[in-house]
Amino acid sequence: FPVTIKVSFAITGNTVLCPNGGSVTLDAGAGYTSYQWGNAIGGIPTPIVGETNQTFTTSTPGIYGVQVSNSSGCTGIDTIVVVTGIAQHHLY
């Protein structure tokens, strides 16, 4: 019987966008032979063309995911939610 080995990892990075613009950078971690970032609204990430690096920068809220592979051919997928923060107004 074949055994499927999954890679265990977690996306890191700030996940809150400033309400007046800006961007966040997500990081899948070093040491993998391939990366494919995508939109993950339905669960499994739909690839974003050209986003094949360890990090991914976005200025748009949404659910993002990345599939990584290691040198043994094992793969793993993780997803993360990016949201827009709420502006704080100071009254003096």
Protein backbone atom coordinates (compact mmCIF):
# COMPACT_ATOMS: atom_id res chain seq x y z
CA PHE A 1 0.00 0.00 0.00
CA PRO A 2 1.38 3.43 -0.91
CA VAL A 3 1.79 5.85 1.96
CA THR A 4 1.09 9.55 1.43
CA ILE A 5 3.31 11.80 3.51
CA LYS A 6 2.16 15.39 3.90
CA VAL A 7 4.42 18.31 4.67
CA SER A 8 3.40 20.15 7.85
CA PHE A 9 3.97 23.92 7.89
CA ALA A 10 2.17 27.19 8.66
CA ILE A 11 1.95 30.46 6.75
CA THR A 12 3.24 33.39 8.80
CA GLY A 13 2.97 37.16 8.46
CA ASN A 14 0.75 40.08 9.34
CA THR A 15 -2.81 39.37 8.17
CA VAL A 16 -4.42 42.77 8.78
CA LEU A 17 -4.34 45.40 6.04
CA CYS A 18 -4.43 49.07 7.00
CA PRO A 19 -7.84 50.56 6.16
CA ASN A 20 -6.26 53.36 4.10
CA GLY A 21 -4.19 51.06 1.91
CA GLY A 22 -0.95 49.17 2.15
CA SER A 23 -0.02 45.54 1.81
CA VAL A 24 0.97 42.47 3.80
CA THR A 25 3.58 39.82 3.04
CA LEU A 26 2.82 36.17 3.78
CA ASP A 27 5.62 33.63 4.20
CA ALA A 28 5.42 29.86 3.66
CA GLY A 29 8.85 29.23 5.19
CA ALA A 30 12.18 28.28 3.70
CA GLY A 31 13.43 24.89 2.58
CA TYR A 32 10.90 23.78 -0.02
CA THR A 33 11.66 23.06 -3.66
CA SER A 34 8.44 24.60 -4.97
CA TYR A 35 5.75 27.04 -3.90
CA GLN A 36 2.42 27.90 -5.53
CA TRP A 37 0.27 30.63 -3.98
CA GLY A 38 -3.40 30.93 -4.81
CA ASN A 39 -6.84 32.21 -3.88
CA ALA A 40 -8.37 29.71 -1.48
CA ILE A 41 -11.99 30.82 -1.16
CA GLY A 42 -13.26 27.32 -1.98
CA GLY A 43 -10.68 25.50 0.16
CA ILE A 44 -7.95 24.29 -2.20
CA PRO A 45 -5.97 27.24 -3.60
CA THR A 46 -6.62 28.24 -7.21
CA PRO A 47 -3.14 29.15 -8.49
CA ILE A 48 -2.19 32.79 -9.00
CA VAL A 49 0.00 32.88 -12.12
CA GLY A 50 3.60 33.78 -11.35
CA GLU A 51 3.30 33.52 -7.55
CA THR A 52 5.83 30.73 -7.00
CA ASN A 53 8.12 32.22 -4.35
CA GLN A 54 8.46 31.60 -0.61
CA THR A 55 6.65 34.89 0.09
CA PHE A 56 3.51 36.46 -1.35
CA THR A 57 2.53 40.13 -1.02
CA THR A 58 -1.07 41.32 -1.35
CA SER A 59 -3.04 44.51 -0.82
CA THR A 60 -6.41 42.77 -1.19
CA PRO A 61 -8.34 41.07 1.62
CA GLY A 62 -9.21 37.42 1.01
CA ILE A 63 -8.40 33.81 1.74
CA TYR A 64 -5.01 32.80 0.40
CA GLY A 65 -3.25 29.47 0.31
CA VAL A 66 0.03 27.97 -0.74
CA GLN A 67 1.04 24.49 -1.79
CA VAL A 68 4.64 23.55 -1.07
CA SER A 69 6.73 20.55 -2.14
CA ASN A 70 9.97 19.26 -0.65
CA SER A 71 12.88 17.46 -2.28
CA SER A 72 11.26 14.07 -1.53
CA GLY A 73 8.16 15.00 -3.53
CA CYS A 74 5.95 15.39 -0.45
CA THR A 75 3.45 18.25 -0.55
CA GLY A 76 1.45 20.31 1.90
CA ILE A 77 -1.20 23.02 1.72
CA ASP A 78 -1.99 25.78 4.20
CA THR A 79 -4.46 28.67 4.02
CA ILE A 80 -4.72 32.03 5.79
CA VAL A 81 -7.27 34.88 5.90
CA VAL A 82 -6.21 38.47 5.19
CA VAL A 83 -8.62 41.15 6.46
CA THR A 84 -8.84 44.94 6.46
CA GLY A 85 -8.46 46.55 9.88
CA ILE A 86 -10.67 49.26 11.35
CA ALA A 87 -9.39 52.82 11.40
CA GLN A 88 -8.99 54.31 14.85
CA HIS A 89 -9.93 57.95 15.26
CA HIS A 90 -8.52 59.92 18.14
CA LEU A 91 -10.61 62.70 19.63
CA TYR A 92 -8.65 65.39 21.42
